[in-house]
Amino acid sequence: MIGEVRQAMLLQRLRYGAAQVSHLDAWRWATEGGARVLGRTDIGKLAGGQQADLALFKLDELRFSGSHEPLAALLLCGAQRADWVMVNGQWTVEEGAIPGLDLEQLMADHWQAARRLAAP
């Protein structure tokens, strides 16, 4: 999703210029704007009475070191996956992994399904 927000920001910067379109504009489009498009009033901002959906990122990697501001870093420096994700108040990703997911089994199942699809 962050990649899509980044793409929207960059496309608008091509049209209107970087001075006219900030990373904060892009985040507003993605959060409040996304909620408005869906007709939802319970999502889109951090406030009391809103759904507890969060994505948290560690910014202590080299690729983020040149950023002047954390929200800009997420869009401009290549945040690929969240380290912690909460959906409706429940943690669904912890330290970059889905709790209880057997990743090796999932990959084996995926490989088998892909092999069946590619079979003549």
PDB file of N, CA and C in Angstrom:
ATOM      1  N   MET A   1       0.818  -1.194   0.000  1.00  0.00           N
ATOM      2  CA  MET A   1       0.000   0.000   0.000  1.00  0.00           C
ATOM      3  C   MET A   1       0.868   1.268   0.000  1.00  0.00           C
ATOM      4  N   ILE A   2       1.961   1.197   0.739  1.00  0.00           N
ATOM      5  CA  ILE A   2       2.841   2.367   0.764  1.00  0.00           C
ATOM      6  C   ILE A   2       3.377   2.664  -0.631  1.00  0.00           C
ATOM      7  N   GLY A   3       3.658   1.624  -1.397  1.00  0.00           N
ATOM      8  CA  GLY A   3       4.117   1.819  -2.767  1.00  0.00           C
ATOM      9  C   GLY A   3       3.098   2.567  -3.606  1.00  0.00           C
ATOM     10  N   GLU A   4       1.823   2.291  -3.394  1.00  0.00           N
ATOM     11  CA  GLU A   4       0.768   2.985  -4.136  1.00  0.00           C
ATOM     12  C   GLU A   4       0.661   4.444  -3.710  1.00  0.00           C
ATOM     13  N   VAL A   5       0.818   4.706  -2.423  1.00  0.00           N
ATOM     14  CA  VAL A   5       0.782   6.085  -1.926  1.00  0.00           C
ATOM     15  C   VAL A   5       1.965   6.862  -2.500  1.00  0.00           C
ATOM     16  N   ARG A   6       3.130   6.217  -2.521  1.00  0.00           N
ATOM     17  CA  ARG A   6       4.327   6.843  -3.093  1.00  0.00           C
ATOM     18  C   ARG A   6       4.109   7.159  -4.570  1.00  0.00           C
ATOM     19  N   GLN A   7       3.549   6.204  -5.306  1.00  0.00           N
ATOM     20  CA  GLN A   7       3.304   6.398  -6.739  1.00  0.00           C
ATOM     21  C   GLN A   7       2.341   7.559  -6.971  1.00  0.00           C
ATOM     22  N   ALA A   8       1.281   7.642  -6.178  1.00  0.00           N
ATOM     23  CA  ALA A   8       0.329   8.752  -6.315  1.00  0.00           C
ATOM     24  C   ALA A   8       1.022  10.094  -6.078  1.00  0.00           C
ATOM     25  N   MET A   9       1.858  10.155  -5.049  1.00  0.00           N
ATOM     26  CA  MET A   9       2.583  11.391  -4.751  1.00  0.00           C
ATOM     27  C   MET A   9       3.512  11.769  -5.908  1.00  0.00           C
ATOM     28  N   LEU A  10       4.268  10.794  -6.416  1.00  0.00           N
ATOM     29  CA  LEU A  10       5.213  11.089  -7.493  1.00  0.00           C
ATOM     30  C   LEU A  10       4.498  11.520  -8.769  1.00  0.00           C
ATOM     31  N   LEU A  11       3.390  10.887  -9.089  1.00  0.00           N
ATOM     32  CA  LEU A  11       2.629  11.286 -10.283  1.00  0.00           C
ATOM     33  C   LEU A  11       2.094  12.708 -10.148  1.00  0.00           C
ATOM     34  N   GLN A  12       1.600  13.052  -8.977  1.00  0.00           N
ATOM     35  CA  GLN A  12       1.096  14.408  -8.771  1.00  0.00           C
ATOM     36  C   GLN A  12       2.229  15.433  -8.786  1.00  0.00           C
ATOM     37  N   ARG A  13       3.402  15.026  -8.314  1.00  0.00           N
ATOM     38  CA  ARG A  13       4.562  15.917  -8.376  1.00  0.00           C
ATOM     39  C   ARG A  13       4.984  16.168  -9.817  1.00  0.00           C
ATOM     40  N   LEU A  14       4.855  15.167 -10.674  1.00  0.00           N
ATOM     41  CA  LEU A  14       5.154  15.380 -12.095  1.00  0.00           C
ATOM     42  C   LEU A  14       4.223  16.442 -12.680  1.00  0.00           C
ATOM     43  N   ARG A  15       2.987  16.393 -12.286  1.00  0.00           N
ATOM     44  CA  ARG A  15       1.973  17.308 -12.844  1.00  0.00           C
ATOM     45  C   ARG A  15       2.062  18.706 -12.230  1.00  0.00           C
ATOM     46  N   TYR A  16       2.202  18.766 -10.892  1.00  0.00           N
ATOM     47  CA  TYR A  16       2.105  20.053 -10.190  1.00  0.00           C
ATOM     48  C   TYR A  16       3.417  20.540  -9.581  1.00  0.00           C
ATOM     49  N   GLY A  17       4.431  19.690  -9.541  1.00  0.00           N
ATOM     50  CA  GLY A  17       5.713  20.068  -8.964  1.00  0.00           C
ATOM     51  C   GLY A  17       5.830  19.659  -7.509  1.00  0.00           C
ATOM     52  N   ALA A  18       7.059  19.360  -7.103  1.00  0.00           N
ATOM     53  CA  ALA A  18       7.311  18.893  -5.739  1.00  0.00           C
ATOM     54  C   ALA A  18       6.952  19.941  -4.693  1.00  0.00           C
ATOM     55  N   ALA A  19       7.087  21.215  -5.040  1.00  0.00           N
ATOM     56  CA  ALA A  19       6.771  22.271  -4.078  1.00  0.00           C
ATOM     57  C   ALA A  19       5.272  22.333  -3.782  1.00  0.00           C
ATOM     58  N   GLN A  20       4.459  21.815  -4.690  1.00  0.00           N
ATOM     59  CA  GLN A  20       3.001  21.872  -4.522  1.00  0.00           C
ATOM     60  C   GLN A  20       2.416  20.606  -3.901  1.00  0.00           C
ATOM     61  N   VAL A  21       3.160  19.505  -3.924  1.00  0.00           N
ATOM     62  CA  VAL A  21       2.649  18.219  -3.429  1.00  0.00           C
ATOM     63  C   VAL A  21       3.650  17.644  -2.433  1.00  0.00           C
ATOM     64  N   SER A  22       3.263  17.588  -1.176  1.00  0.00           N
ATOM     65  CA  SER A  22       4.163  17.077  -0.140  1.00  0.00           C
ATOM     66  C   SER A  22       3.813  15.629   0.210  1.00  0.00           C
ATOM     67  N   HIS A  23       4.709  15.016   0.962  1.00  0.00           N
ATOM     68  CA  HIS A  23       4.438  13.665   1.450  1.00  0.00           C
ATOM     69  C   HIS A  23       3.230  13.670   2.387  1.00  0.00           C
ATOM     70  N   LEU A  24       3.004  14.772   3.078  1.00  0.00           N
ATOM     71  CA  LEU A  24       1.844  14.860   3.964  1.00  0.00           C
ATOM     72  C   LEU A  24       0.541  14.871   3.168  1.00  0.00           C
ATOM     73  N   ASP A  25       0.554  15.494   2.002  1.00  0.00           N
ATOM     74  CA  ASP A  25      -0.613  15.441   1.117  1.00  0.00           C
ATOM     75  C   ASP A  25      -0.928  13.987   0.757  1.00  0.00           C
ATOM     76  N   ALA A  26       0.106  13.250   0.383  1.00  0.00           N
ATOM     77  CA  ALA A  26      -0.079  11.852  -0.022  1.00  0.00           C
ATOM     78  C   ALA A  26      -0.629  11.015   1.128  1.00  0.00           C
ATOM     79  N   TRP A  27      -0.110  11.212   2.333  1.00  0.00           N
ATOM     80  CA  TRP A  27      -0.635  10.463   3.478  1.00  0.00           C
ATOM     81  C   TRP A  27      -2.090  10.821   3.738  1.00  0.00           C
ATOM     82  N   ARG A  28      -2.439  12.076   3.587  1.00  0.00           N
ATOM     83  CA  ARG A  28      -3.834  12.496   3.791  1.00  0.00           C
ATOM     84  C   ARG A  28      -4.739  11.842   2.751  1.00  0.00           C
ATOM     85  N   TRP A  29      -4.284  11.789   1.502  1.00  0.00           N
ATOM     86  CA  TRP A  29      -5.088  11.119   0.464  1.00  0.00           C
ATOM     87  C   TRP A  29      -5.328   9.665   0.833  1.00  0.00           C
ATOM     88  N   ALA A  30      -4.272   8.998   1.318  1.00  0.00           N
ATOM     89  CA  ALA A  30      -4.346   7.566   1.616  1.00  0.00           C
ATOM     90  C   ALA A  30      -5.196   7.257   2.843  1.00  0.00           C
ATOM     91  N   THR A  31      -5.165   8.122   3.833  1.00  0.00           N
ATOM     92  CA  THR A  31      -5.859   7.837   5.094  1.00  0.00           C
ATOM     93  C   THR A  31      -7.249   8.458   5.108  1.00  0.00           C
ATOM     94  N   GLU A  32      -7.323   9.743   5.296  1.00  0.00           N
ATOM     95  CA  GLU A  32      -8.627  10.415   5.349  1.00  0.00           C
ATOM     96  C   GLU A  32      -9.361  10.312   4.016  1.00  0.00           C
ATOM     97  N   GLY A  33      -8.626  10.489   2.923  1.00  0.00           N
ATOM     98  CA  GLY A  33      -9.246  10.401   1.599  1.00  0.00           C
ATOM     99  C   GLY A  33      -9.766   9.010   1.300  1.00  0.00           C
ATOM    100  N   GLY A  34      -8.973   7.997   1.662  1.00  0.00           N
ATOM    101  CA  GLY A  34      -9.414   6.621   1.462  1.00  0.00           C
ATOM    102  C   GLY A  34     -10.671   6.305   2.246  1.00  0.00           C
ATOM    103  N   ALA A  35     -10.743   6.768   3.471  1.00  0.00           N
ATOM    104  CA  ALA A  35     -11.933   6.551   4.296  1.00  0.00           C
ATOM    105  C   ALA A  35     -13.143   7.245   3.675  1.00  0.00           C
ATOM    106  N   ARG A  36     -12.943   8.456   3.200  1.00  0.00           N
ATOM    107  CA  ARG A  36     -14.044   9.223   2.599  1.00  0.00           C
ATOM    108  C   ARG A  36     -14.576   8.518   1.342  1.00  0.00           C
ATOM    109  N   VAL A  37     -13.670   8.017   0.506  1.00  0.00           N
ATOM    110  CA  VAL A  37     -14.085   7.304  -0.707  1.00  0.00           C
ATOM    111  C   VAL A  37     -14.919   6.077  -0.350  1.00  0.00           C
ATOM    112  N   LEU A  38     -14.546   5.406   0.738  1.00  0.00           N
ATOM    113  CA  LEU A  38     -15.277   4.215   1.174  1.00  0.00           C
ATOM    114  C   LEU A  38     -16.545   4.540   1.958  1.00  0.00           C
ATOM    115  N   GLY A  39     -16.766   5.828   2.235  1.00  0.00           N
ATOM    116  CA  GLY A  39     -17.928   6.226   3.018  1.00  0.00           C
ATOM    117  C   GLY A  39     -17.827   5.812   4.477  1.00  0.00           C
ATOM    118  N   ARG A  40     -16.580   5.689   4.979  1.00  0.00           N
ATOM    119  CA  ARG A  40     -16.355   5.242   6.354  1.00  0.00           C
ATOM    120  C   ARG A  40     -15.979   6.419   7.238  1.00  0.00           C
ATOM    121  N   THR A  41     -16.548   6.459   8.418  1.00  0.00           N
ATOM    122  CA  THR A  41     -16.193   7.483   9.398  1.00  0.00           C
ATOM    123  C   THR A  41     -15.416   6.903  10.569  1.00  0.00           C
ATOM    124  N   ASP A  42     -15.225   5.584  10.581  1.00  0.00           N
ATOM    125  CA  ASP A  42     -14.535   4.914  11.682  1.00  0.00           C
ATOM    126  C   ASP A  42     -13.078   4.590  11.372  1.00  0.00           C
ATOM    127  N   ILE A  43     -12.591   5.027  10.222  1.00  0.00           N
ATOM    128  CA  ILE A  43     -11.200   4.801   9.838  1.00  0.00           C
ATOM    129  C   ILE A  43     -10.633   6.082   9.236  1.00  0.00           C
ATOM    130  N   GLY A  44      -9.333   6.107   9.019  1.00  0.00           N
ATOM    131  CA  GLY A  44      -8.718   7.228   8.313  1.00  0.00           C
ATOM    132  C   GLY A  44      -7.944   8.197   9.172  1.00  0.00           C
ATOM    133  N   LYS A  45      -8.030   8.049  10.483  1.00  0.00           N
ATOM    134  CA  LYS A  45      -7.264   8.933  11.358  1.00  0.00           C
ATOM    135  C   LYS A  45      -7.074   8.272  12.710  1.00  0.00           C
ATOM    136  N   LEU A  46      -6.063   8.745  13.437  1.00  0.00           N
ATOM    137  CA  LEU A  46      -5.831   8.273  14.793  1.00  0.00           C
ATOM    138  C   LEU A  46      -6.596   9.172  15.747  1.00  0.00           C
ATOM    139  N   ALA A  47      -7.666   8.623  16.294  1.00  0.00           N
ATOM    140  CA  ALA A  47      -8.507   9.388  17.219  1.00  0.00           C
ATOM    141  C   ALA A  47      -9.394   8.419  17.983  1.00  0.00           C
ATOM    142  N   GLY A  48      -9.905   8.881  19.112  1.00  0.00           N
ATOM    143  CA  GLY A  48     -10.834   8.067  19.880  1.00  0.00           C
ATOM    144  C   GLY A  48     -12.048   7.695  19.049  1.00  0.00           C
ATOM    145  N   GLY A  49     -12.523   6.466  19.199  1.00  0.00           N
ATOM    146  CA  GLY A  49     -13.687   5.997  18.469  1.00  0.00           C
ATOM    147  C   GLY A  49     -13.384   5.460  17.085  1.00  0.00           C
ATOM    148  N   GLN A  50     -12.119   5.528  16.668  1.00  0.00           N
ATOM    149  CA  GLN A  50     -11.720   5.011  15.361  1.00  0.00           C
ATOM    150  C   GLN A  50     -11.251   3.563  15.511  1.00  0.00           C
ATOM    151  N   GLN A  51     -11.242   2.821  14.394  1.00  0.00           N
ATOM    152  CA  GLN A  51     -10.719   1.458  14.401  1.00  0.00           C
ATOM    153  C   GLN A  51      -9.242   1.494  14.784  1.00  0.00           C
ATOM    154  N   ALA A  52      -8.811   0.487  15.523  1.00  0.00           N
ATOM    155  CA  ALA A  52      -7.403   0.412  15.939  1.00  0.00           C
ATOM    156  C   ALA A  52      -6.613  -0.358  14.892  1.00  0.00           C
ATOM    157  N   ASP A  53      -6.356   0.282  13.758  1.00  0.00           N
ATOM    158  CA  ASP A  53      -5.553  -0.295  12.682  1.00  0.00           C
ATOM    159  C   ASP A  53      -4.271   0.521  12.581  1.00  0.00           C
ATOM    160  N   LEU A  54      -3.133  -0.139  12.756  1.00  0.00           N
ATOM    161  CA  LEU A  54      -1.843   0.545  12.744  1.00  0.00           C
ATOM    162  C   LEU A  54      -0.818  -0.271  11.972  1.00  0.00           C
ATOM    163  N   ALA A  55       0.114   0.395  11.345  1.00  0.00           N
ATOM    164  CA  ALA A  55       1.286  -0.249  10.758  1.00  0.00           C
ATOM    165  C   ALA A  55       2.499   0.511  11.295  1.00  0.00           C
ATOM    166  N   LEU A  56       3.409  -0.209  11.928  1.00  0.00           N
ATOM    167  CA  LEU A  56       4.587   0.398  12.537  1.00  0.00           C
ATOM    168  C   LEU A  56       5.841  -0.085  11.821  1.00  0.00           C
ATOM    169  N   PHE A  57       6.764   0.838  11.600  1.00  0.00           N
ATOM    170  CA  PHE A  57       7.981   0.552  10.852  1.00  0.00           C
ATOM    171  C   PHE A  57       9.198   0.976  11.653  1.00  0.00           C
ATOM    172  N   LYS A  58      10.240   0.150  11.630  1.00  0.00           N
ATOM    173  CA  LYS A  58      11.524   0.543  12.194  1.00  0.00           C
ATOM    174  C   LYS A  58      12.234   1.389  11.149  1.00  0.00           C
ATOM    175  N   LEU A  59      12.768   2.507  11.561  1.00  0.00           N
ATOM    176  CA  LEU A  59      13.457   3.396  10.624  1.00  0.00           C
ATOM    177  C   LEU A  59      14.951   3.479  10.903  1.00  0.00           C
ATOM    178  N   ASP A  60      15.491   2.435  11.546  1.00  0.00           N
ATOM    179  CA  ASP A  60      16.913   2.453  11.910  1.00  0.00           C
ATOM    180  C   ASP A  60      17.779   1.701  10.907  1.00  0.00           C
ATOM    181  N   GLU A  61      17.355   1.656   9.652  1.00  0.00           N
ATOM    182  CA  GLU A  61      18.137   1.030   8.592  1.00  0.00           C
ATOM    183  C   GLU A  61      18.831   2.114   7.769  1.00  0.00           C
ATOM    184  N   LEU A  62      19.881   1.729   7.070  1.00  0.00           N
ATOM    185  CA  LEU A  62      20.665   2.669   6.286  1.00  0.00           C
ATOM    186  C   LEU A  62      19.812   3.444   5.284  1.00  0.00           C
ATOM    187  N   ARG A  63      18.871   2.768   4.626  1.00  0.00           N
ATOM    188  CA  ARG A  63      18.078   3.449   3.585  1.00  0.00           C
ATOM    189  C   ARG A  63      17.255   4.608   4.129  1.00  0.00           C
ATOM    190  N   PHE A  64      16.958   4.614   5.418  1.00  0.00           N
ATOM    191  CA  PHE A  64      16.169   5.705   6.000  1.00  0.00           C
ATOM    192  C   PHE A  64      17.026   6.801   6.614  1.00  0.00           C
ATOM    193  N   SER A  65      18.350   6.621   6.651  1.00  0.00           N
ATOM    194  CA  SER A  65      19.218   7.531   7.405  1.00  0.00           C
ATOM    195  C   SER A  65      19.281   8.940   6.842  1.00  0.00           C
ATOM    196  N   GLY A  66      19.000   9.126   5.568  1.00  0.00           N
ATOM    197  CA  GLY A  66      19.088  10.458   4.988  1.00  0.00           C
ATOM    198  C   GLY A  66      17.804  11.255   5.056  1.00  0.00           C
ATOM    199  N   SER A  67      16.769  10.663   5.594  1.00  0.00           N
ATOM    200  CA  SER A  67      15.490  11.366   5.629  1.00  0.00           C
ATOM    201  C   SER A  67      15.434  12.352   6.789  1.00  0.00           C
ATOM    202  N   HIS A  68      14.782  13.458   6.532  1.00  0.00           N
ATOM    203  CA  HIS A  68      14.658  14.503   7.547  1.00  0.00           C
ATOM    204  C   HIS A  68      13.433  14.306   8.436  1.00  0.00           C
ATOM    205  N   GLU A  69      12.538  13.412   8.025  1.00  0.00           N
ATOM    206  CA  GLU A  69      11.272  13.273   8.746  1.00  0.00           C
ATOM    207  C   GLU A  69      10.724  11.855   8.539  1.00  0.00           C
ATOM    208  N   PRO A  70      10.224  11.187   9.593  1.00  0.00           N
ATOM    209  CA  PRO A  70       9.801   9.788   9.489  1.00  0.00           C
ATOM    210  C   PRO A  70       8.723   9.508   8.439  1.00  0.00           C
ATOM    211  N   LEU A  71       7.710  10.336   8.339  1.00  0.00           N
ATOM    212  CA  LEU A  71       6.662  10.085   7.345  1.00  0.00           C
ATOM    213  C   LEU A  71       7.189  10.235   5.926  1.00  0.00           C
ATOM    214  N   ALA A  72       8.105  11.152   5.735  1.00  0.00           N
ATOM    215  CA  ALA A  72       8.739  11.287   4.425  1.00  0.00           C
ATOM    216  C   ALA A  72       9.590  10.058   4.128  1.00  0.00           C
ATOM    217  N   ALA A  73      10.281   9.556   5.131  1.00  0.00           N
ATOM    218  CA  ALA A  73      11.135   8.382   4.943  1.00  0.00           C
ATOM    219  C   ALA A  73      10.336   7.188   4.443  1.00  0.00           C
ATOM    220  N   LEU A  74       9.155   6.978   4.991  1.00  0.00           N
ATOM    221  CA  LEU A  74       8.349   5.829   4.574  1.00  0.00           C
ATOM    222  C   LEU A  74       8.016   5.875   3.088  1.00  0.00           C
ATOM    223  N   LEU A  75       7.736   7.066   2.573  1.00  0.00           N
ATOM    224  CA  LEU A  75       7.387   7.190   1.155  1.00  0.00           C
ATOM    225  C   LEU A  75       8.599   7.302   0.244  1.00  0.00           C
ATOM    226  N   LEU A  76       9.610   7.994   0.681  1.00  0.00           N
ATOM    227  CA  LEU A  76      10.727   8.321  -0.209  1.00  0.00           C
ATOM    228  C   LEU A  76      11.901   7.350  -0.138  1.00  0.00           C
ATOM    229  N   CYS A  77      11.988   6.558   0.915  1.00  0.00           N
ATOM    230  CA  CYS A  77      13.176   5.729   1.103  1.00  0.00           C
ATOM    231  C   CYS A  77      12.921   4.227   0.991  1.00  0.00           C
ATOM    232  N   GLY A  78      11.771   3.836   0.555  1.00  0.00           N
ATOM    233  CA  GLY A  78      11.552   2.427   0.252  1.00  0.00           C
ATOM    234  C   GLY A  78      11.099   1.531   1.376  1.00  0.00           C
ATOM    235  N   ALA A  79      10.151   1.956   2.175  1.00  0.00           N
ATOM    236  CA  ALA A  79       9.571   1.062   3.187  1.00  0.00           C
ATOM    237  C   ALA A  79       8.804  -0.044   2.466  1.00  0.00           C
ATOM    238  N   GLN A  80       9.238  -1.279   2.632  1.00  0.00           N
ATOM    239  CA  GLN A  80       8.642  -2.401   1.905  1.00  0.00           C
ATOM    240  C   GLN A  80       7.657  -3.213   2.725  1.00  0.00           C
ATOM    241  N   ARG A  81       7.903  -3.332   4.039  1.00  0.00           N
ATOM    242  CA  ARG A  81       6.983  -4.106   4.864  1.00  0.00           C
ATOM    243  C   ARG A  81       7.019  -3.582   6.288  1.00  0.00           C
ATOM    244  N   ALA A  82       5.889  -3.667   6.923  1.00  0.00           N
ATOM    245  CA  ALA A  82       5.765  -3.189   8.291  1.00  0.00           C
ATOM    246  C   ALA A  82       6.352  -4.211   9.261  1.00  0.00           C
ATOM    247  N   ASP A  83       6.893  -3.718  10.354  1.00  0.00           N
ATOM    248  CA  ASP A  83       7.429  -4.593  11.389  1.00  0.00           C
ATOM    249  C   ASP A  83       6.341  -5.044  12.357  1.00  0.00           C
ATOM    250  N   TRP A  84       5.367  -4.184  12.561  1.00  0.00           N
ATOM    251  CA  TRP A  84       4.240  -4.504  13.439  1.00  0.00           C
ATOM    252  C   TRP A  84       2.968  -3.993  12.768  1.00  0.00           C
ATOM    253  N   VAL A  85       1.915  -4.808  12.768  1.00  0.00           N
ATOM    254  CA  VAL A  85       0.628  -4.403  12.202  1.00  0.00           C
ATOM    255  C   VAL A  85      -0.472  -4.799  13.174  1.00  0.00           C
ATOM    256  N   MET A  86      -1.356  -3.844  13.442  1.00  0.00           N
ATOM    257  CA  MET A  86      -2.531  -4.099  14.273  1.00  0.00           C
ATOM    258  C   MET A  86      -3.774  -3.869  13.417  1.00  0.00           C
ATOM    259  N   VAL A  87      -4.683  -4.830  13.424  1.00  0.00           N
ATOM    260  CA  VAL A  87      -5.944  -4.716  12.704  1.00  0.00           C
ATOM    261  C   VAL A  87      -7.073  -4.914  13.706  1.00  0.00           C
ATOM    262  N   ASN A  88      -7.923  -3.901  13.808  1.00  0.00           N
ATOM    263  CA  ASN A  88      -9.062  -3.946  14.731  1.00  0.00           C
ATOM    264  C   ASN A  88      -8.627  -4.281  16.157  1.00  0.00           C
ATOM    265  N   GLY A  89      -7.496  -3.729  16.548  1.00  0.00           N
ATOM    266  CA  GLY A  89      -7.013  -3.910  17.916  1.00  0.00           C
ATOM    267  C   GLY A  89      -6.248  -5.186  18.171  1.00  0.00           C
ATOM    268  N   GLN A  90      -6.032  -6.023  17.147  1.00  0.00           N
ATOM    269  CA  GLN A  90      -5.315  -7.287  17.306  1.00  0.00           C
ATOM    270  C   GLN A  90      -4.027  -7.253  16.479  1.00  0.00           C
ATOM    271  N   TRP A  91      -2.912  -7.682  17.074  1.00  0.00           N
ATOM    272  CA  TRP A  91      -1.652  -7.730  16.349  1.00  0.00           C
ATOM    273  C   TRP A  91      -1.706  -8.868  15.333  1.00  0.00           C
ATOM    274  N   THR A  92      -1.486  -8.541  14.061  1.00  0.00           N
ATOM    275  CA  THR A  92      -1.474  -9.547  12.996  1.00  0.00           C
ATOM    276  C   THR A  92      -0.075  -9.759  12.429  1.00  0.00           C
ATOM    277  N   VAL A  93       0.826  -8.824  12.689  1.00  0.00           N
ATOM    278  CA  VAL A  93       2.242  -8.970  12.335  1.00  0.00           C
ATOM    279  C   VAL A  93       3.051  -8.510  13.540  1.00  0.00           C
ATOM    280  N   GLU A  94       3.995  -9.345  13.944  1.00  0.00           N
ATOM    281  CA  GLU A  94       4.866  -9.024  15.073  1.00  0.00           C
ATOM    282  C   GLU A  94       6.307  -9.252  14.643  1.00  0.00           C
ATOM    283  N   GLU A  95       7.130  -8.231  14.787  1.00  0.00           N
ATOM    284  CA  GLU A  95       8.541  -8.295  14.394  1.00  0.00           C
ATOM    285  C   GLU A  95       8.700  -8.818  12.965  1.00  0.00           C
ATOM    286  N   GLY A  96       7.828  -8.352  12.063  1.00  0.00           N
ATOM    287  CA  GLY A  96       7.912  -8.690  10.646  1.00  0.00           C
ATOM    288  C   GLY A  96       7.344 -10.040  10.258  1.00  0.00           C
ATOM    289  N   ALA A  97       6.768 -10.771  11.202  1.00  0.00           N
ATOM    290  CA  ALA A  97       6.236 -12.103  10.914  1.00  0.00           C
ATOM    291  C   ALA A  97       4.781 -12.205  11.365  1.00  0.00           C
ATOM    292  N   ILE A  98       4.039 -13.086  10.706  1.00  0.00           N
ATOM    293  CA  ILE A  98       2.653 -13.346  11.087  1.00  0.00           C
ATOM    294  C   ILE A  98       2.666 -14.433  12.149  1.00  0.00           C
ATOM    295  N   PRO A  99       2.196 -14.130  13.364  1.00  0.00           N
ATOM    296  CA  PRO A  99       2.230 -15.126  14.436  1.00  0.00           C
ATOM    297  C   PRO A  99       1.453 -16.388  14.041  1.00  0.00           C
ATOM    298  N   GLY A 100       2.071 -17.535  14.286  1.00  0.00           N
ATOM    299  CA  GLY A 100       1.425 -18.809  14.018  1.00  0.00           C
ATOM    300  C   GLY A 100       1.494 -19.289  12.577  1.00  0.00           C
ATOM    301  N   LEU A 101       2.045 -18.481  11.689  1.00  0.00           N
ATOM    302  CA  LEU A 101       2.139 -18.873  10.284  1.00  0.00           C
ATOM    303  C   LEU A 101       3.359 -19.757  10.062  1.00  0.00           C
ATOM    304  N   ASP A 102       3.143 -20.919   9.471  1.00  0.00           N
ATOM    305  CA  ASP A 102       4.243 -21.804   9.095  1.00  0.00           C
ATOM    306  C   ASP A 102       4.696 -21.373   7.704  1.00  0.00           C
ATOM    307  N   LEU A 103       5.672 -20.495   7.656  1.00  0.00           N
ATOM    308  CA  LEU A 103       6.123 -19.910   6.398  1.00  0.00           C
ATOM    309  C   LEU A 103       6.703 -20.962   5.455  1.00  0.00           C
ATOM    310  N   GLU A 104       7.439 -21.907   5.990  1.00  0.00           N
ATOM    311  CA  GLU A 104       8.001 -22.952   5.134  1.00  0.00           C
ATOM    312  C   GLU A 104       6.896 -23.772   4.472  1.00  0.00           C
ATOM    313  N   GLN A 105       5.852 -24.121   5.227  1.00  0.00           N
ATOM    314  CA  GLN A 105       4.744 -24.881   4.662  1.00  0.00           C
ATOM    315  C   GLN A 105       3.988 -24.055   3.631  1.00  0.00           C
ATOM    316  N   LEU A 106       3.780 -22.783   3.928  1.00  0.00           N
ATOM    317  CA  LEU A 106       3.104 -21.905   2.982  1.00  0.00           C
ATOM    318  C   LEU A 106       3.872 -21.821   1.670  1.00  0.00           C
ATOM    319  N   MET A 107       5.196 -21.684   1.755  1.00  0.00           N
ATOM    320  CA  MET A 107       6.017 -21.609   0.549  1.00  0.00           C
ATOM    321  C   MET A 107       5.978 -22.926  -0.233  1.00  0.00           C
ATOM    322  N   ALA A 108       5.978 -24.052   0.472  1.00  0.00           N
ATOM    323  CA  ALA A 108       5.898 -25.353  -0.195  1.00  0.00           C
ATOM    324  C   ALA A 108       4.550 -25.501  -0.904  1.00  0.00           C
ATOM    325  N   ASP A 109       3.470 -25.095  -0.231  1.00  0.00           N
ATOM    326  CA  ASP A 109       2.132 -25.148  -0.845  1.00  0.00           C
ATOM    327  C   ASP A 109       2.066 -24.242  -2.066  1.00  0.00           C
ATOM    328  N   HIS A 110       2.654 -23.073  -1.954  1.00  0.00           N
ATOM    329  CA  HIS A 110       2.665 -22.123  -3.055  1.00  0.00           C
ATOM    330  C   HIS A 110       3.427 -22.696  -4.252  1.00  0.00           C
ATOM    331  N   TRP A 111       4.574 -23.304  -3.975  1.00  0.00           N
ATOM    332  CA  TRP A 111       5.377 -23.900  -5.033  1.00  0.00           C
ATOM    333  C   TRP A 111       4.588 -25.001  -5.746  1.00  0.00           C
ATOM    334  N   GLN A 112       3.907 -25.830  -4.981  1.00  0.00           N
ATOM    335  CA  GLN A 112       3.108 -26.914  -5.574  1.00  0.00           C
ATOM    336  C   GLN A 112       1.973 -26.349  -6.433  1.00  0.00           C
ATOM    337  N   ALA A 113       1.289 -25.317  -5.938  1.00  0.00           N
ATOM    338  CA  ALA A 113       0.195 -24.712  -6.705  1.00  0.00           C
ATOM    339  C   ALA A 113       0.712 -24.090  -7.993  1.00  0.00           C
ATOM    340  N   ALA A 114       1.855 -23.431  -7.925  1.00  0.00           N
ATOM    341  CA  ALA A 114       2.440 -22.831  -9.124  1.00  0.00           C
ATOM    342  C   ALA A 114       2.857 -23.898 -10.117  1.00  0.00           C
ATOM    343  N   ARG A 115       3.372 -24.982  -9.612  1.00  0.00           N
ATOM    344  CA  ARG A 115       3.780 -26.083 -10.481  1.00  0.00           C
ATOM    345  C   ARG A 115       2.566 -26.682 -11.207  1.00  0.00           C
ATOM    346  N   ARG A 116       1.450 -26.849 -10.489  1.00  0.00           N
ATOM    347  CA  ARG A 116       0.226 -27.370 -11.105  1.00  0.00           C
ATOM    348  C   ARG A 116      -0.301 -26.411 -12.187  1.00  0.00           C
ATOM    349  N   LEU A 117      -0.240 -25.116 -11.912  1.00  0.00           N
ATOM    350  CA  LEU A 117      -0.707 -24.127 -12.893  1.00  0.00           C
ATOM    351  C   LEU A 117       0.145 -24.139 -14.158  1.00  0.00           C
ATOM    352  N   ALA A 118       1.438 -24.388 -13.989  1.00  0.00           N
ATOM    353  CA  ALA A 118       2.352 -24.351 -15.130  1.00  0.00           C
ATOM    354  C   ALA A 118       2.393 -25.670 -15.905  1.00  0.00           C
ATOM    355  N   ALA A 119       1.796 -26.712 -15.329  1.00  0.00           N
ATOM    356  CA  ALA A 119       1.821 -28.028 -15.975  1.00  0.00           C
ATOM    357  C   ALA A 119       0.989 -28.003 -17.266  1.00  0.00           C
ATOM    358  N   PRO A 120       1.448 -28.743 -18.283  1.00  0.00           N
ATOM    359  CA  PRO A 120       0.698 -28.784 -19.557  1.00  0.00           C
ATOM    360  C   PRO A 120      -0.635 -29.511 -19.426  1.00  0.00           C
TER     361      PRO A 120
END
